[in-house]
Amino acid sequence: MTALPSAAYVGRFAPTPSGYLHFGSLIAALASYLDARSVGGRWLLRMEDLDPPREVPGAQAAILQTLEDYGFEWDGALVRQSERLALYGEVVERLLERGLAYACTCSRKRLEGFSGIYPGFCREAGRPPHDAAIRLRVPEREYAFVDRVQGVFAQQLAREIGDFVIRRRDGLYAYQLAVVLDDAWQGVTDVVRGADLLDSTPRQLYLQELLGLPRPRYLHVPLIVQPDGHKLGKAYRSPPLPAEQAGPLLLRALRALGQRPPAGLEHARPRQLLDWAIAHWDAGGIPRCRTLAEAALD
């Protein structure tokens, strides 16, 4: 595994344009931004637009506008995953050639009752890759890492996940593959994101190992959940972030992340709030839990 230099911090925020940014998105964006800027690091912006059928028209432009309204400034040009499909395809072909991946024609109906763990029906079938999903073979071993907030997280891939999809049957590439390739390509050293992706990390560690890519450090912030237990998110039509509430919502997000902005910042502009937060960022203050109830936030 390639070691990463501790001095050259590169972070990123990678929203999906299947909807607008909401308060949960703000928590993730703010944590990743402050963690990078507090050590003089770079903060990149990547649009994870891998799934055109789910993309909301105008969402990409709205996401960029919201980030600007809330005072965020990113380094370099915006990267769109839709512009990198050829690379993903090359990697899938290499994995197939090495026998590390295989074609799968299993329907959702056939996989019902297996609790999301692939039972391996197509593993040794030798099916052609056309009109089929492509799955990555996983080993009978545990993958573990130490998250900066959540602590040790371990997963036995074969038993808990099974061989997982890296290219869907409709030809769209899977998040797990694209995120690993793009983080490495962009030189990302630190991944700061929501705790809903904690479970995905061991799969990404395995891909990094297979492809000889460096392993970044990980920090998963708590998810903000609604009274019914669902996370704030696009699937539940969480409200978009209003530009006129940028200051109050940034303060609320800082408190949710365990930071302590002084009362004198109650009427500060977004950029002033971010400047204070960069100077006083303490990742150790982030609550060490996977979820926070929205109703309990200040």
C-alpha atoms as a PDB file:
ATOM      1  CA  MET A   1       0.000   0.000   0.000  1.00  0.00           C
ATOM      2  CA  THR A   2       1.422   3.397  -0.957  1.00  0.00           C
ATOM      3  CA  ALA A   3       1.968   5.722   1.997  1.00  0.00           C
ATOM      4  CA  LEU A   4       0.460   9.193   1.811  1.00  0.00           C
ATOM      5  CA  PRO A   5       2.423  12.260   2.944  1.00  0.00           C
ATOM      6  CA  SER A   6       0.810  13.840   5.990  1.00  0.00           C
ATOM      7  CA  ALA A   7       1.670  17.386   4.907  1.00  0.00           C
ATOM      8  CA  ALA A   8      -0.101  17.558   1.527  1.00  0.00           C
ATOM      9  CA  TYR A   9      -3.772  17.389   2.486  1.00  0.00           C
ATOM     10  CA  VAL A  10      -6.268  17.076  -0.381  1.00  0.00           C
ATOM     11  CA  GLY A  11      -9.947  16.814   0.496  1.00  0.00           C
ATOM     12  CA  ARG A  12     -13.071  16.809  -1.626  1.00  0.00           C
ATOM     13  CA  PHE A  13     -16.838  17.170  -1.651  1.00  0.00           C
ATOM     14  CA  ALA A  14     -18.662  14.945  -4.133  1.00  0.00           C
ATOM     15  CA  PRO A  15     -22.429  15.561  -4.317  1.00  0.00           C
ATOM     16  CA  THR A  16     -24.834  13.581  -6.484  1.00  0.00           C
ATOM     17  CA  PRO A  17     -27.181  15.692  -8.678  1.00  0.00           C
ATOM     18  CA  SER A  18     -30.219  13.518  -7.954  1.00  0.00           C
ATOM     19  CA  GLY A  19     -31.577  16.478  -6.005  1.00  0.00           C
ATOM     20  CA  TYR A  20     -30.579  19.706  -4.301  1.00  0.00           C
ATOM     21  CA  LEU A  21     -28.270  20.189  -1.342  1.00  0.00           C
ATOM     22  CA  HIS A  22     -30.056  19.879   2.010  1.00  0.00           C
ATOM     23  CA  PHE A  23     -28.989  20.284   5.635  1.00  0.00           C
ATOM     24  CA  GLY A  24     -27.419  16.818   5.714  1.00  0.00           C
ATOM     25  CA  SER A  25     -25.357  17.740   2.640  1.00  0.00           C
ATOM     26  CA  LEU A  26     -24.253  20.924   4.383  1.00  0.00           C
ATOM     27  CA  ILE A  27     -22.918  18.932   7.340  1.00  0.00           C
ATOM     28  CA  ALA A  28     -20.762  16.791   5.029  1.00  0.00           C
ATOM     29  CA  ALA A  29     -19.592  19.725   2.901  1.00  0.00           C
ATOM     30  CA  LEU A  30     -18.739  21.832   5.937  1.00  0.00           C
ATOM     31  CA  ALA A  31     -16.805  19.076   7.711  1.00  0.00           C
ATOM     32  CA  SER A  32     -14.757  18.244   4.619  1.00  0.00           C
ATOM     33  CA  TYR A  33     -14.109  21.923   3.875  1.00  0.00           C
ATOM     34  CA  LEU A  34     -12.989  22.827   7.382  1.00  0.00           C
ATOM     35  CA  ASP A  35     -10.861  19.721   7.773  1.00  0.00           C
ATOM     36  CA  ALA A  36      -8.964  20.662   4.608  1.00  0.00           C
ATOM     37  CA  ARG A  37      -8.704  24.413   5.055  1.00  0.00           C
ATOM     38  CA  SER A  38      -7.711  24.229   8.735  1.00  0.00           C
ATOM     39  CA  VAL A  39      -4.391  22.619   7.725  1.00  0.00           C
ATOM     40  CA  GLY A  40      -3.878  24.677   4.571  1.00  0.00           C
ATOM     41  CA  GLY A  41      -5.082  21.849   2.365  1.00  0.00           C
ATOM     42  CA  ARG A  42      -6.847  21.823  -0.980  1.00  0.00           C
ATOM     43  CA  TRP A  43     -10.603  21.212  -1.286  1.00  0.00           C
ATOM     44  CA  LEU A  44     -11.857  19.790  -4.564  1.00  0.00           C
ATOM     45  CA  LEU A  45     -15.359  19.565  -5.971  1.00  0.00           C
ATOM     46  CA  ARG A  46     -16.556  16.539  -7.930  1.00  0.00           C
ATOM     47  CA  MET A  47     -20.022  15.938  -9.355  1.00  0.00           C
ATOM     48  CA  GLU A  48     -20.949  12.256  -9.035  1.00  0.00           C
ATOM     49  CA  ASP A  49     -23.306  12.203 -12.012  1.00  0.00           C
ATOM     50  CA  LEU A  50     -23.074   8.485 -12.781  1.00  0.00           C
ATOM     51  CA  ASP A  51     -26.807   7.838 -13.019  1.00  0.00           C
ATOM     52  CA  PRO A  52     -28.477  10.104 -15.634  1.00  0.00           C
ATOM     53  CA  PRO A  53     -31.992   8.627 -15.151  1.00  0.00           C
ATOM     54  CA  ARG A  54     -31.960   9.760 -11.499  1.00  0.00           C
ATOM     55  CA  GLU A  55     -30.496  13.205 -12.148  1.00  0.00           C
ATOM     56  CA  VAL A  56     -32.823  16.132 -11.471  1.00  0.00           C
ATOM     57  CA  PRO A  57     -32.735  18.761 -14.252  1.00  0.00           C
ATOM     58  CA  GLY A  58     -30.984  21.882 -13.005  1.00  0.00           C
ATOM     59  CA  ALA A  59     -29.608  20.197  -9.882  1.00  0.00           C
ATOM     60  CA  GLN A  60     -25.952  20.578 -10.855  1.00  0.00           C
ATOM     61  CA  ALA A  61     -26.253  24.326 -11.342  1.00  0.00           C
ATOM     62  CA  ALA A  62     -28.285  24.640  -8.139  1.00  0.00           C
ATOM     63  CA  ILE A  63     -25.646  22.735  -6.142  1.00  0.00           C
ATOM     64  CA  LEU A  64     -22.879  25.033  -7.371  1.00  0.00           C
ATOM     65  CA  GLN A  65     -24.954  28.117  -6.607  1.00  0.00           C
ATOM     66  CA  THR A  66     -25.762  26.895  -3.096  1.00  0.00           C
ATOM     67  CA  LEU A  67     -22.101  26.257  -2.329  1.00  0.00           C
ATOM     68  CA  GLU A  68     -21.263  29.776  -3.481  1.00  0.00           C
ATOM     69  CA  ASP A  69     -24.150  31.269  -1.473  1.00  0.00           C
ATOM     70  CA  TYR A  70     -22.814  29.533   1.636  1.00  0.00           C
ATOM     71  CA  GLY A  71     -19.279  30.861   1.153  1.00  0.00           C
ATOM     72  CA  PHE A  72     -17.507  27.697  -0.028  1.00  0.00           C
ATOM     73  CA  GLU A  73     -14.562  28.119  -2.393  1.00  0.00           C
ATOM     74  CA  TRP A  74     -13.085  25.086  -4.141  1.00  0.00           C
ATOM     75  CA  ASP A  75      -9.714  24.576  -5.793  1.00  0.00           C
ATOM     76  CA  GLY A  76      -9.336  23.814  -9.478  1.00  0.00           C
ATOM     77  CA  ALA A  77     -12.017  22.966 -11.990  1.00  0.00           C
ATOM     78  CA  LEU A  78     -15.164  21.016 -11.228  1.00  0.00           C
ATOM     79  CA  VAL A  79     -14.757  17.341 -12.177  1.00  0.00           C
ATOM     80  CA  ARG A  80     -17.743  15.392 -13.485  1.00  0.00           C
ATOM     81  CA  GLN A  81     -17.716  11.606 -13.340  1.00  0.00           C
ATOM     82  CA  SER A  82     -19.727  11.513 -16.569  1.00  0.00           C
ATOM     83  CA  GLU A  83     -16.565  12.766 -18.308  1.00  0.00           C
ATOM     84  CA  ARG A  84     -14.507   9.793 -17.075  1.00  0.00           C
ATOM     85  CA  LEU A  85     -16.562   6.836 -18.276  1.00  0.00           C
ATOM     86  CA  ALA A  86     -13.880   5.598 -20.685  1.00  0.00           C
ATOM     87  CA  LEU A  87     -11.407   5.181 -17.827  1.00  0.00           C
ATOM     88  CA  TYR A  88     -13.912   3.232 -15.745  1.00  0.00           C
ATOM     89  CA  GLY A  89     -14.516   0.965 -18.722  1.00  0.00           C
ATOM     90  CA  GLU A  90     -10.787   0.300 -19.171  1.00  0.00           C
ATOM     91  CA  VAL A  91     -10.437  -0.712 -15.529  1.00  0.00           C
ATOM     92  CA  VAL A  92     -13.439  -3.050 -15.715  1.00  0.00           C
ATOM     93  CA  GLU A  93     -11.913  -4.731 -18.777  1.00  0.00           C
ATOM     94  CA  ARG A  94      -8.604  -5.205 -16.959  1.00  0.00           C
ATOM     95  CA  LEU A  95     -10.353  -6.770 -13.974  1.00  0.00           C
ATOM     96  CA  LEU A  96     -12.229  -9.144 -16.292  1.00  0.00           C
ATOM     97  CA  GLU A  97      -9.004 -10.112 -18.067  1.00  0.00           C
ATOM     98  CA  ARG A  98      -7.328 -10.870 -14.728  1.00  0.00           C
ATOM     99  CA  GLY A  99     -10.229 -13.080 -13.670  1.00  0.00           C
ATOM    100  CA  LEU A 100     -11.008 -10.755 -10.763  1.00  0.00           C
ATOM    101  CA  ALA A 101     -14.467  -9.896 -12.088  1.00  0.00           C
ATOM    102  CA  TYR A 102     -17.169 -11.776 -13.984  1.00  0.00           C
ATOM    103  CA  ALA A 103     -20.460 -11.279 -15.799  1.00  0.00           C
ATOM    104  CA  CYS A 104     -23.695 -11.757 -13.865  1.00  0.00           C
ATOM    105  CA  THR A 105     -27.171 -12.082 -15.374  1.00  0.00           C
ATOM    106  CA  CYS A 106     -29.081 -12.610 -12.120  1.00  0.00           C
ATOM    107  CA  SER A 107     -32.365 -10.720 -11.942  1.00  0.00           C
ATOM    108  CA  ARG A 108     -33.546  -8.913  -8.824  1.00  0.00           C
ATOM    109  CA  LYS A 109     -36.261 -11.526  -8.461  1.00  0.00           C
ATOM    110  CA  ARG A 110     -33.725 -14.346  -8.379  1.00  0.00           C
ATOM    111  CA  LEU A 111     -31.772 -12.564  -5.642  1.00  0.00           C
ATOM    112  CA  GLU A 112     -34.783 -12.010  -3.387  1.00  0.00           C
ATOM    113  CA  GLY A 113     -34.372 -13.558   0.038  1.00  0.00           C
ATOM    114  CA  PHE A 114     -30.582 -13.290   0.216  1.00  0.00           C
ATOM    115  CA  SER A 115     -30.512 -10.113   2.390  1.00  0.00           C
ATOM    116  CA  GLY A 116     -28.487  -8.203  -0.184  1.00  0.00           C
ATOM    117  CA  ILE A 117     -25.556 -10.656   0.011  1.00  0.00           C
ATOM    118  CA  TYR A 118     -24.815 -12.068  -3.432  1.00  0.00           C
ATOM    119  CA  PRO A 119     -24.952 -15.907  -3.307  1.00  0.00           C
ATOM    120  CA  GLY A 120     -22.564 -16.415  -6.221  1.00  0.00           C
ATOM    121  CA  PHE A 121     -24.878 -17.969  -8.814  1.00  0.00           C
ATOM    122  CA  CYS A 122     -22.852 -16.619 -11.767  1.00  0.00           C
ATOM    123  CA  ARG A 123     -19.398 -16.790 -10.171  1.00  0.00           C
ATOM    124  CA  GLU A 124     -18.164 -19.759 -12.196  1.00  0.00           C
ATOM    125  CA  ALA A 125     -20.678 -19.618 -15.063  1.00  0.00           C
ATOM    126  CA  GLY A 126     -18.308 -17.953 -17.543  1.00  0.00           C
ATOM    127  CA  ARG A 127     -21.032 -15.791 -19.066  1.00  0.00           C
ATOM    128  CA  PRO A 128     -20.144 -13.192 -21.742  1.00  0.00           C
ATOM    129  CA  PRO A 129     -19.962  -9.600 -20.410  1.00  0.00           C
ATOM    130  CA  HIS A 130     -22.525  -8.244 -22.880  1.00  0.00           C
ATOM    131  CA  ASP A 131     -26.017  -7.547 -21.523  1.00  0.00           C
ATOM    132  CA  ALA A 132     -24.820  -8.455 -18.038  1.00  0.00           C
ATOM    133  CA  ALA A 133     -23.752  -6.792 -14.829  1.00  0.00           C
ATOM    134  CA  ILE A 134     -20.086  -7.124 -13.867  1.00  0.00           C
ATOM    135  CA  ARG A 135     -19.304  -8.263 -10.332  1.00  0.00           C
ATOM    136  CA  LEU A 136     -15.987  -8.147  -8.501  1.00  0.00           C
ATOM    137  CA  ARG A 137     -14.892 -11.340  -6.747  1.00  0.00           C
ATOM    138  CA  VAL A 138     -14.284 -10.733  -3.050  1.00  0.00           C
ATOM    139  CA  PRO A 139     -11.916 -12.759  -0.868  1.00  0.00           C
ATOM    140  CA  GLU A 140     -12.663 -14.637   2.342  1.00  0.00           C
ATOM    141  CA  ARG A 141     -10.951 -12.075   4.516  1.00  0.00           C
ATOM    142  CA  GLU A 142     -11.668  -9.089   6.699  1.00  0.00           C
ATOM    143  CA  TYR A 143     -11.022  -5.504   5.687  1.00  0.00           C
ATOM    144  CA  ALA A 144     -10.676  -2.982   8.496  1.00  0.00           C
ATOM    145  CA  PHE A 145      -9.664   0.626   9.008  1.00  0.00           C
ATOM    146  CA  VAL A 146      -9.641   3.214  11.787  1.00  0.00           C
ATOM    147  CA  ASP A 147     -12.088   6.028  11.125  1.00  0.00           C
ATOM    148  CA  ARG A 148     -11.121   9.336  12.717  1.00  0.00           C
ATOM    149  CA  VAL A 149     -14.567   9.696  14.302  1.00  0.00           C
ATOM    150  CA  GLN A 150     -16.246   6.291  14.234  1.00  0.00           C
ATOM    151  CA  GLY A 151     -13.180   4.311  15.344  1.00  0.00           C
ATOM    152  CA  VAL A 152     -12.362   0.799  14.133  1.00  0.00           C
ATOM    153  CA  PHE A 153     -14.676  -0.541  11.437  1.00  0.00           C
ATOM    154  CA  ALA A 154     -14.249  -4.051  10.052  1.00  0.00           C
ATOM    155  CA  GLN A 155     -16.143  -6.111   7.508  1.00  0.00           C
ATOM    156  CA  GLN A 156     -15.805  -9.655   6.192  1.00  0.00           C
ATOM    157  CA  LEU A 157     -16.582  -8.964   2.552  1.00  0.00           C
ATOM    158  CA  ALA A 158     -17.508 -12.474   1.424  1.00  0.00           C
ATOM    159  CA  ARG A 159     -19.836 -13.088   4.350  1.00  0.00           C
ATOM    160  CA  GLU A 160     -21.362  -9.619   4.779  1.00  0.00           C
ATOM    161  CA  ILE A 161     -21.444  -8.263   1.208  1.00  0.00           C
ATOM    162  CA  GLY A 162     -20.616 -10.912  -1.367  1.00  0.00           C
ATOM    163  CA  ASP A 163     -19.270 -10.252  -4.857  1.00  0.00           C
ATOM    164  CA  PHE A 164     -20.437  -6.724  -5.662  1.00  0.00           C
ATOM    165  CA  VAL A 165     -21.401  -4.911  -8.848  1.00  0.00           C
ATOM    166  CA  ILE A 166     -18.891  -2.572 -10.477  1.00  0.00           C
ATOM    167  CA  ARG A 167     -20.846  -2.115 -13.718  1.00  0.00           C
ATOM    168  CA  ARG A 168     -24.596  -2.420 -13.926  1.00  0.00           C
ATOM    169  CA  ARG A 169     -26.429  -4.420 -16.552  1.00  0.00           C
ATOM    170  CA  ASP A 170     -27.575  -1.174 -18.197  1.00  0.00           C
ATOM    171  CA  GLY A 171     -23.920  -0.183 -18.665  1.00  0.00           C
ATOM    172  CA  LEU A 172     -23.762   2.403 -15.868  1.00  0.00           C
ATOM    173  CA  TYR A 173     -20.709   2.198 -13.616  1.00  0.00           C
ATOM    174  CA  ALA A 174     -21.073   1.641  -9.894  1.00  0.00           C
ATOM    175  CA  TYR A 175     -20.239   4.233  -7.269  1.00  0.00           C
ATOM    176  CA  GLN A 176     -17.745   1.913  -5.535  1.00  0.00           C
ATOM    177  CA  LEU A 177     -15.518   1.722  -8.608  1.00  0.00           C
ATOM    178  CA  ALA A 178     -15.770   5.344  -9.713  1.00  0.00           C
ATOM    179  CA  VAL A 179     -15.117   6.867  -6.296  1.00  0.00           C
ATOM    180  CA  VAL A 180     -11.946   4.817  -5.783  1.00  0.00           C
ATOM    181  CA  LEU A 181     -10.553   5.694  -9.210  1.00  0.00           C
ATOM    182  CA  ASP A 182     -11.397   9.381  -8.939  1.00  0.00           C
ATOM    183  CA  ASP A 183     -10.075   9.834  -5.400  1.00  0.00           C
ATOM    184  CA  ALA A 184      -6.753   8.333  -6.505  1.00  0.00           C
ATOM    185  CA  TRP A 185      -6.655  10.321  -9.760  1.00  0.00           C
ATOM    186  CA  GLN A 186      -7.305  13.582  -7.914  1.00  0.00           C
ATOM    187  CA  GLY A 187      -4.738  12.783  -5.225  1.00  0.00           C
ATOM    188  CA  VAL A 188      -7.299  12.827  -2.402  1.00  0.00           C
ATOM    189  CA  THR A 189      -5.591  12.103   0.919  1.00  0.00           C
ATOM    190  CA  ASP A 190      -8.589  12.525   3.221  1.00  0.00           C
ATOM    191  CA  VAL A 191     -12.181  11.449   2.624  1.00  0.00           C
ATOM    192  CA  VAL A 192     -14.684  13.225   4.880  1.00  0.00           C
ATOM    193  CA  ARG A 193     -18.294  12.177   4.263  1.00  0.00           C
ATOM    194  CA  GLY A 194     -21.515  10.942   5.874  1.00  0.00           C
ATOM    195  CA  ALA A 195     -21.685   7.827   8.032  1.00  0.00           C
ATOM    196  CA  ASP A 196     -24.101   6.209   5.565  1.00  0.00           C
ATOM    197  CA  LEU A 197     -20.993   5.426   3.495  1.00  0.00           C
ATOM    198  CA  LEU A 198     -19.097   3.766   6.342  1.00  0.00           C
ATOM    199  CA  ASP A 199     -20.334   0.368   5.168  1.00  0.00           C
ATOM    200  CA  SER A 200     -18.993   1.030   1.649  1.00  0.00           C
ATOM    201  CA  THR A 201     -15.449   1.720   2.786  1.00  0.00           C
ATOM    202  CA  PRO A 202     -14.177  -1.901   3.065  1.00  0.00           C
ATOM    203  CA  ARG A 203     -15.218  -2.510  -0.547  1.00  0.00           C
ATOM    204  CA  GLN A 204     -13.263   0.569  -1.524  1.00  0.00           C
ATOM    205  CA  LEU A 205     -10.237  -0.604   0.468  1.00  0.00           C
ATOM    206  CA  TYR A 206     -10.339  -3.888  -1.441  1.00  0.00           C
ATOM    207  CA  LEU A 207     -10.497  -2.089  -4.793  1.00  0.00           C
ATOM    208  CA  GLN A 208      -7.589   0.146  -3.772  1.00  0.00           C
ATOM    209  CA  GLU A 209      -5.581  -2.959  -2.921  1.00  0.00           C
ATOM    210  CA  LEU A 210      -6.402  -4.719  -6.210  1.00  0.00           C
ATOM    211  CA  LEU A 211      -5.537  -1.664  -8.302  1.00  0.00           C
ATOM    212  CA  GLY A 212      -2.422  -0.638  -6.361  1.00  0.00           C
ATOM    213  CA  LEU A 213      -3.924   2.701  -5.307  1.00  0.00           C
ATOM    214  CA  PRO A 214      -3.135   4.666  -2.131  1.00  0.00           C
ATOM    215  CA  ARG A 215      -5.476   4.433   0.841  1.00  0.00           C
ATOM    216  CA  PRO A 216      -6.748   7.814   2.076  1.00  0.00           C
ATOM    217  CA  ARG A 217      -7.638   8.602   5.664  1.00  0.00           C
ATOM    218  CA  TYR A 218     -11.362   8.453   6.443  1.00  0.00           C
ATOM    219  CA  LEU A 219     -13.671  10.515   8.624  1.00  0.00           C
ATOM    220  CA  HIS A 220     -17.402   9.728   8.618  1.00  0.00           C
ATOM    221  CA  VAL A 221     -19.629  12.373  10.191  1.00  0.00           C
ATOM    222  CA  PRO A 222     -22.977  11.504  11.800  1.00  0.00           C
ATOM    223  CA  LEU A 223     -26.066  11.491   9.607  1.00  0.00           C
ATOM    224  CA  ILE A 224     -28.912  13.834  10.430  1.00  0.00           C
ATOM    225  CA  VAL A 225     -32.081  11.762  10.756  1.00  0.00           C
ATOM    226  CA  GLN A 226     -35.766  12.660  10.820  1.00  0.00           C
ATOM    227  CA  PRO A 227     -38.245  11.491  13.488  1.00  0.00           C
ATOM    228  CA  ASP A 228     -39.088   8.378  11.440  1.00  0.00           C
ATOM    229  CA  GLY A 229     -35.417   7.379  11.426  1.00  0.00           C
ATOM    230  CA  HIS A 230     -34.807   8.217   7.767  1.00  0.00           C
ATOM    231  CA  LYS A 231     -31.789  10.345   6.955  1.00  0.00           C
ATOM    232  CA  LEU A 232     -32.243  13.774   5.444  1.00  0.00           C
ATOM    233  CA  GLY A 233     -31.883  13.164   1.744  1.00  0.00           C
ATOM    234  CA  LYS A 234     -33.156  13.619  -1.753  1.00  0.00           C
ATOM    235  CA  ALA A 235     -35.191  10.418  -1.685  1.00  0.00           C
ATOM    236  CA  TYR A 236     -37.345  11.877   1.101  1.00  0.00           C
ATOM    237  CA  ARG A 237     -37.664  15.302  -0.547  1.00  0.00           C
ATOM    238  CA  SER A 238     -35.609  17.074   2.114  1.00  0.00           C
ATOM    239  CA  PRO A 239     -35.917  20.835   1.582  1.00  0.00           C
ATOM    240  CA  PRO A 240     -33.121  22.582  -0.330  1.00  0.00           C
ATOM    241  CA  LEU A 241     -30.881  25.044   1.467  1.00  0.00           C
ATOM    242  CA  PRO A 242     -32.258  28.600   1.214  1.00  0.00           C
ATOM    243  CA  ALA A 243     -29.668  31.254   0.351  1.00  0.00           C
ATOM    244  CA  GLU A 244     -31.180  33.760   2.779  1.00  0.00           C
ATOM    245  CA  GLN A 245     -30.638  31.351   5.692  1.00  0.00           C
ATOM    246  CA  ALA A 246     -26.949  30.687   4.982  1.00  0.00           C
ATOM    247  CA  GLY A 247     -25.674  32.245   8.217  1.00  0.00           C
ATOM    248  CA  PRO A 248     -28.092  30.563  10.642  1.00  0.00           C
ATOM    249  CA  LEU A 249     -27.790  27.185   8.921  1.00  0.00           C
ATOM    250  CA  LEU A 250     -23.986  27.319   8.927  1.00  0.00           C
ATOM    251  CA  LEU A 251     -24.097  28.026  12.665  1.00  0.00           C
ATOM    252  CA  ARG A 252     -26.501  25.129  13.168  1.00  0.00           C
ATOM    253  CA  ALA A 253     -24.239  22.837  11.150  1.00  0.00           C
ATOM    254  CA  LEU A 254     -21.183  23.897  13.151  1.00  0.00           C
ATOM    255  CA  ARG A 255     -22.960  23.055  16.395  1.00  0.00           C
ATOM    256  CA  ALA A 256     -24.080  19.703  14.984  1.00  0.00           C
ATOM    257  CA  LEU A 257     -20.394  18.997  14.310  1.00  0.00           C
ATOM    258  CA  GLY A 258     -19.530  19.728  17.929  1.00  0.00           C
ATOM    259  CA  GLN A 259     -17.983  23.135  17.270  1.00  0.00           C
ATOM    260  CA  ARG A 260     -18.625  26.120  19.557  1.00  0.00           C
ATOM    261  CA  PRO A 261     -19.130  29.349  17.599  1.00  0.00           C
ATOM    262  CA  PRO A 262     -19.414  32.384  19.906  1.00  0.00           C
ATOM    263  CA  ALA A 263     -22.593  34.399  20.255  1.00  0.00           C
ATOM    264  CA  GLY A 264     -20.973  37.315  18.440  1.00  0.00           C
ATOM    265  CA  LEU A 265     -21.220  35.421  15.157  1.00  0.00           C
ATOM    266  CA  GLU A 266     -25.021  35.190  15.161  1.00  0.00           C
ATOM    267  CA  HIS A 267     -25.303  37.845  12.447  1.00  0.00           C
ATOM    268  CA  ALA A 268     -22.036  37.191  10.623  1.00  0.00           C
ATOM    269  CA  ARG A 269     -21.871  36.697   6.878  1.00  0.00           C
ATOM    270  CA  PRO A 270     -21.148  33.181   5.570  1.00  0.00           C
ATOM    271  CA  ARG A 271     -17.526  33.963   4.696  1.00  0.00           C
ATOM    272  CA  GLN A 272     -16.884  35.391   8.183  1.00  0.00           C
ATOM    273  CA  LEU A 273     -18.385  32.275   9.761  1.00  0.00           C
ATOM    274  CA  LEU A 274     -16.206  30.007   7.654  1.00  0.00           C
ATOM    275  CA  ASP A 275     -13.077  32.018   8.460  1.00  0.00           C
ATOM    276  CA  TRP A 276     -13.782  31.628  12.184  1.00  0.00           C
ATOM    277  CA  ALA A 277     -14.566  27.939  11.763  1.00  0.00           C
ATOM    278  CA  ILE A 278     -11.342  27.263   9.828  1.00  0.00           C
ATOM    279  CA  ALA A 279      -9.276  28.910  12.559  1.00  0.00           C
ATOM    280  CA  HIS A 280     -11.055  26.992  15.346  1.00  0.00           C
ATOM    281  CA  TRP A 281     -11.805  23.638  13.683  1.00  0.00           C
ATOM    282  CA  ASP A 282     -11.615  20.685  16.061  1.00  0.00           C
ATOM    283  CA  ALA A 283     -12.410  17.330  14.457  1.00  0.00           C
ATOM    284  CA  GLY A 284     -12.169  15.809  17.926  1.00  0.00           C
ATOM    285  CA  GLY A 285     -15.399  17.583  18.835  1.00  0.00           C
ATOM    286  CA  ILE A 286     -17.490  15.728  16.237  1.00  0.00           C
ATOM    287  CA  PRO A 287     -20.009  13.468  18.024  1.00  0.00           C
ATOM    288  CA  ARG A 288     -18.808   9.860  17.950  1.00  0.00           C
ATOM    289  CA  CYS A 289     -22.057   8.400  16.713  1.00  0.00           C
ATOM    290  CA  ARG A 290     -23.539   7.467  13.361  1.00  0.00           C
ATOM    291  CA  THR A 291     -26.774   9.461  13.577  1.00  0.00           C
ATOM    292  CA  LEU A 292     -28.043  12.672  15.133  1.00  0.00           C
ATOM    293  CA  ALA A 293     -31.736  13.469  15.472  1.00  0.00           C
ATOM    294  CA  GLU A 294     -32.573  16.654  13.590  1.00  0.00           C
ATOM    295  CA  ALA A 295     -35.094  17.608  16.265  1.00  0.00           C
ATOM    296  CA  ALA A 296     -32.363  17.574  18.929  1.00  0.00           C
ATOM    297  CA  LEU A 297     -30.114  20.075  17.134  1.00  0.00           C
ATOM    298  CA  ASP A 298     -29.907  23.682  18.291  1.00  0.00           C
END
